[in-house]
Amino acid sequence: MTLQEIVLDFEAALLNGVRTGADETGLTKIRDQAFDRLLEVKDGPGAPPLETIFDSAAEIGLKLSMALETVRQIDAEHLVKRRRQ
């Protein structure tokens, strides 16, 4: 599996998690699975340079942070709506 495939698979799983209402723990598990795949690539034959792997890890981390912020905003909005009812 290439680094690009790992990142794309992560993005798809993350978006699906947000769409289906995954909590912070669920989204973090998706990140952990992607990091495990990055480690497999790092330890595999013909591994790309570490800098490239770190760039992919940083991209995954950034996208997780954005997703978590979105989930928190949605949760806050739902809480406000419930209080108004």
N, C-alpha and C. Protein backbone atom coordinates (compact mmCIF):
# COMPACT_ATOMS: atom_id res chain seq x y z
N MET A 1 0.85 -1.18 0.00
CA MET A 1 0.00 0.00 0.00
C MET A 1 0.90 1.24 0.00
N THR A 2 0.56 2.20 -0.84
CA THR A 2 1.35 3.42 -0.92
C THR A 2 0.91 4.41 0.16
N LEU A 3 1.75 5.42 0.39
CA LEU A 3 1.40 6.45 1.37
C LEU A 3 0.14 7.19 0.93
N GLN A 4 0.04 7.46 -0.34
CA GLN A 4 -1.15 8.15 -0.84
C GLN A 4 -2.41 7.33 -0.60
N GLU A 5 -2.33 6.03 -0.82
CA GLU A 5 -3.49 5.17 -0.57
C GLU A 5 -3.86 5.16 0.91
N ILE A 6 -2.86 5.16 1.78
CA ILE A 6 -3.12 5.18 3.22
C ILE A 6 -3.86 6.47 3.59
N VAL A 7 -3.38 7.59 3.08
CA VAL A 7 -4.01 8.88 3.39
C VAL A 7 -5.43 8.93 2.82
N LEU A 8 -5.61 8.46 1.59
CA LEU A 8 -6.94 8.48 0.99
C LEU A 8 -7.91 7.55 1.74
N ASP A 9 -7.43 6.38 2.13
CA ASP A 9 -8.27 5.46 2.91
C ASP A 9 -8.65 6.09 4.26
N PHE A 10 -7.68 6.76 4.87
CA PHE A 10 -7.93 7.45 6.13
C PHE A 10 -9.00 8.52 5.95
N GLU A 11 -8.85 9.33 4.90
CA GLU A 11 -9.83 10.39 4.65
C GLU A 11 -11.23 9.83 4.49
N ALA A 12 -11.35 8.76 3.71
CA ALA A 12 -12.66 8.16 3.48
C ALA A 12 -13.25 7.62 4.78
N ALA A 13 -12.43 6.93 5.57
CA ALA A 13 -12.91 6.39 6.85
C ALA A 13 -13.27 7.52 7.81
N LEU A 14 -12.47 8.58 7.82
CA LEU A 14 -12.73 9.71 8.71
C LEU A 14 -14.04 10.41 8.34
N LEU A 15 -14.23 10.67 7.06
CA LEU A 15 -15.47 11.31 6.61
C LEU A 15 -16.67 10.44 6.93
N ASN A 16 -16.53 9.15 6.72
CA ASN A 16 -17.62 8.24 7.05
C ASN A 16 -17.90 8.27 8.56
N GLY A 17 -16.85 8.32 9.36
CA GLY A 17 -17.02 8.39 10.81
C GLY A 17 -17.76 9.64 11.23
N VAL A 18 -17.37 10.78 10.67
CA VAL A 18 -18.05 12.04 11.00
C VAL A 18 -19.50 11.97 10.55
N ARG A 19 -19.72 11.47 9.35
CA ARG A 19 -21.09 11.39 8.80
C ARG A 19 -22.00 10.50 9.64
N THR A 20 -21.43 9.42 10.17
CA THR A 20 -22.25 8.48 10.93
C THR A 20 -22.28 8.77 12.43
N GLY A 21 -21.66 9.87 12.84
CA GLY A 21 -21.75 10.28 14.23
C GLY A 21 -20.72 9.68 15.17
N ALA A 22 -19.57 9.29 14.64
CA ALA A 22 -18.51 8.74 15.51
C ALA A 22 -18.07 9.81 16.49
N ASP A 23 -17.71 9.36 17.69
CA ASP A 23 -17.21 10.29 18.70
C ASP A 23 -15.69 10.42 18.56
N GLU A 24 -15.10 11.20 19.46
CA GLU A 24 -13.66 11.45 19.41
C GLU A 24 -12.86 10.16 19.48
N THR A 25 -13.29 9.23 20.32
CA THR A 25 -12.58 7.96 20.45
C THR A 25 -12.61 7.18 19.14
N GLY A 26 -13.75 7.15 18.50
CA GLY A 26 -13.88 6.44 17.23
C GLY A 26 -13.01 7.04 16.15
N LEU A 27 -12.98 8.37 16.08
CA LEU A 27 -12.16 9.03 15.07
C LEU A 27 -10.68 8.84 15.34
N THR A 28 -10.31 8.84 16.61
CA THR A 28 -8.91 8.62 16.98
C THR A 28 -8.47 7.20 16.62
N LYS A 29 -9.36 6.24 16.75
CA LYS A 29 -9.03 4.87 16.35
C LYS A 29 -8.77 4.78 14.86
N ILE A 30 -9.51 5.54 14.07
CA ILE A 30 -9.28 5.58 12.63
C ILE A 30 -7.88 6.12 12.34
N ARG A 31 -7.50 7.16 13.06
CA ARG A 31 -6.15 7.71 12.92
C ARG A 31 -5.10 6.68 13.30
N ASP A 32 -5.33 5.99 14.41
CA ASP A 32 -4.36 4.99 14.88
C ASP A 32 -4.17 3.88 13.85
N GLN A 33 -5.25 3.47 13.20
CA GLN A 33 -5.14 2.44 12.16
C GLN A 33 -4.31 2.94 10.99
N ALA A 34 -4.49 4.20 10.62
CA ALA A 34 -3.69 4.77 9.53
C ALA A 34 -2.22 4.85 9.93
N PHE A 35 -1.95 5.24 11.17
CA PHE A 35 -0.57 5.29 11.64
C PHE A 35 0.06 3.90 11.64
N ASP A 36 -0.71 2.89 12.01
CA ASP A 36 -0.19 1.52 11.97
C ASP A 36 0.19 1.13 10.54
N ARG A 37 -0.60 1.56 9.58
CA ARG A 37 -0.28 1.27 8.18
C ARG A 37 0.98 2.01 7.74
N LEU A 38 1.13 3.25 8.23
CA LEU A 38 2.36 3.99 7.92
C LEU A 38 3.59 3.27 8.47
N LEU A 39 3.46 2.73 9.68
CA LEU A 39 4.58 1.99 10.26
C LEU A 39 4.91 0.75 9.46
N GLU A 40 3.89 0.09 8.94
CA GLU A 40 4.12 -1.09 8.10
C GLU A 40 4.90 -0.70 6.84
N VAL A 41 4.55 0.43 6.25
CA VAL A 41 5.26 0.89 5.06
C VAL A 41 6.70 1.24 5.43
N LYS A 42 6.88 1.91 6.56
CA LYS A 42 8.22 2.31 7.00
C LYS A 42 9.12 1.10 7.20
N ASP A 43 8.56 0.04 7.75
CA ASP A 43 9.33 -1.16 8.05
C ASP A 43 9.41 -2.13 6.87
N GLY A 44 8.69 -1.84 5.80
CA GLY A 44 8.64 -2.76 4.67
C GLY A 44 9.79 -2.56 3.70
N PRO A 45 9.88 -3.46 2.75
CA PRO A 45 10.93 -3.34 1.73
C PRO A 45 10.69 -2.14 0.83
N GLY A 46 11.74 -1.46 0.45
CA GLY A 46 11.61 -0.32 -0.44
C GLY A 46 10.88 0.85 0.19
N ALA A 47 11.03 1.01 1.49
CA ALA A 47 10.33 2.08 2.21
C ALA A 47 10.74 3.45 1.68
N PRO A 48 9.77 4.36 1.59
CA PRO A 48 10.10 5.72 1.17
C PRO A 48 10.89 6.44 2.27
N PRO A 49 11.47 7.59 1.94
CA PRO A 49 12.22 8.34 2.96
C PRO A 49 11.33 8.69 4.17
N LEU A 50 11.95 8.73 5.34
CA LEU A 50 11.20 9.04 6.56
C LEU A 50 10.47 10.38 6.46
N GLU A 51 11.09 11.35 5.82
CA GLU A 51 10.46 12.66 5.69
C GLU A 51 9.11 12.55 4.99
N THR A 52 9.03 11.70 3.99
CA THR A 52 7.78 11.50 3.26
C THR A 52 6.73 10.83 4.14
N ILE A 53 7.17 9.87 4.93
CA ILE A 53 6.25 9.20 5.86
C ILE A 53 5.77 10.19 6.92
N PHE A 54 6.68 11.02 7.43
CA PHE A 54 6.29 12.03 8.42
C PHE A 54 5.31 13.04 7.83
N ASP A 55 5.51 13.40 6.56
CA ASP A 55 4.57 14.32 5.91
C ASP A 55 3.17 13.71 5.86
N SER A 56 3.11 12.43 5.54
CA SER A 56 1.81 11.74 5.50
C SER A 56 1.18 11.69 6.89
N ALA A 57 2.00 11.41 7.90
CA ALA A 57 1.50 11.38 9.28
C ALA A 57 0.99 12.75 9.70
N ALA A 58 1.70 13.80 9.31
CA ALA A 58 1.26 15.16 9.65
C ALA A 58 -0.06 15.49 8.96
N GLU A 59 -0.19 15.07 7.72
CA GLU A 59 -1.45 15.30 6.99
C GLU A 59 -2.61 14.58 7.67
N ILE A 60 -2.38 13.35 8.09
CA ILE A 60 -3.40 12.59 8.80
C ILE A 60 -3.76 13.28 10.11
N GLY A 61 -2.75 13.71 10.85
CA GLY A 61 -2.99 14.39 12.12
C GLY A 61 -3.78 15.68 11.95
N LEU A 62 -3.45 16.45 10.93
CA LEU A 62 -4.16 17.70 10.67
C LEU A 62 -5.61 17.45 10.31
N LYS A 63 -5.84 16.45 9.48
CA LYS A 63 -7.22 16.14 9.07
C LYS A 63 -8.04 15.62 10.25
N LEU A 64 -7.41 14.85 11.13
CA LEU A 64 -8.10 14.42 12.34
C LEU A 64 -8.48 15.63 13.20
N SER A 65 -7.55 16.55 13.37
CA SER A 65 -7.83 17.75 14.17
C SER A 65 -9.01 18.53 13.61
N MET A 66 -9.04 18.68 12.29
CA MET A 66 -10.16 19.40 11.67
C MET A 66 -11.47 18.66 11.86
N ALA A 67 -11.43 17.34 11.75
CA ALA A 67 -12.65 16.55 11.94
C ALA A 67 -13.14 16.64 13.38
N LEU A 68 -12.21 16.58 14.33
CA LEU A 68 -12.60 16.67 15.74
C LEU A 68 -13.20 18.03 16.05
N GLU A 69 -12.65 19.08 15.48
CA GLU A 69 -13.21 20.41 15.68
C GLU A 69 -14.62 20.49 15.10
N THR A 70 -14.83 19.90 13.96
CA THR A 70 -16.16 19.87 13.35
C THR A 70 -17.14 19.11 14.23
N VAL A 71 -16.73 17.96 14.73
CA VAL A 71 -17.59 17.16 15.60
C VAL A 71 -17.95 17.95 16.86
N ARG A 72 -16.97 18.64 17.43
CA ARG A 72 -17.23 19.44 18.64
C ARG A 72 -18.23 20.56 18.36
N GLN A 73 -18.10 21.20 17.21
CA GLN A 73 -19.03 22.27 16.84
C GLN A 73 -20.44 21.72 16.65
N ILE A 74 -20.54 20.57 15.99
CA ILE A 74 -21.84 19.95 15.78
C ILE A 74 -22.46 19.56 17.12
N ASP A 75 -21.66 18.98 18.00
CA ASP A 75 -22.15 18.60 19.32
C ASP A 75 -22.63 19.82 20.10
N ALA A 76 -21.89 20.91 20.00
CA ALA A 76 -22.28 22.14 20.71
C ALA A 76 -23.59 22.68 20.15
N GLU A 77 -23.75 22.64 18.84
CA GLU A 77 -24.98 23.11 18.22
C GLU A 77 -26.17 22.25 18.64
N HIS A 78 -25.97 20.95 18.70
CA HIS A 78 -27.05 20.06 19.13
C HIS A 78 -27.42 20.32 20.59
N LEU A 79 -26.43 20.59 21.41
CA LEU A 79 -26.69 20.88 22.82
C LEU A 79 -27.52 22.16 22.96
N VAL A 80 -27.18 23.18 22.20
CA VAL A 80 -27.93 24.44 22.24
C VAL A 80 -29.36 24.21 21.79
N LYS A 81 -29.55 23.43 20.73
CA LYS A 81 -30.90 23.16 20.24
C LYS A 81 -31.73 22.41 21.28
N ARG A 82 -31.11 21.45 21.95
CA ARG A 82 -31.84 20.69 22.98
C ARG A 82 -32.25 21.58 24.14
N ARG A 83 -31.39 22.50 24.50
CA ARG A 83 -31.71 23.41 25.61
C ARG A 83 -32.87 24.33 25.27
N ARG A 84 -33.00 24.67 24.01
CA ARG A 84 -34.07 25.56 23.58
C ARG A 84 -35.43 24.87 23.54
N GLN A 85 -35.42 23.55 23.50
CA GLN A 85 -36.68 22.82 23.38
C GLN A 85 -37.35 22.66 24.69
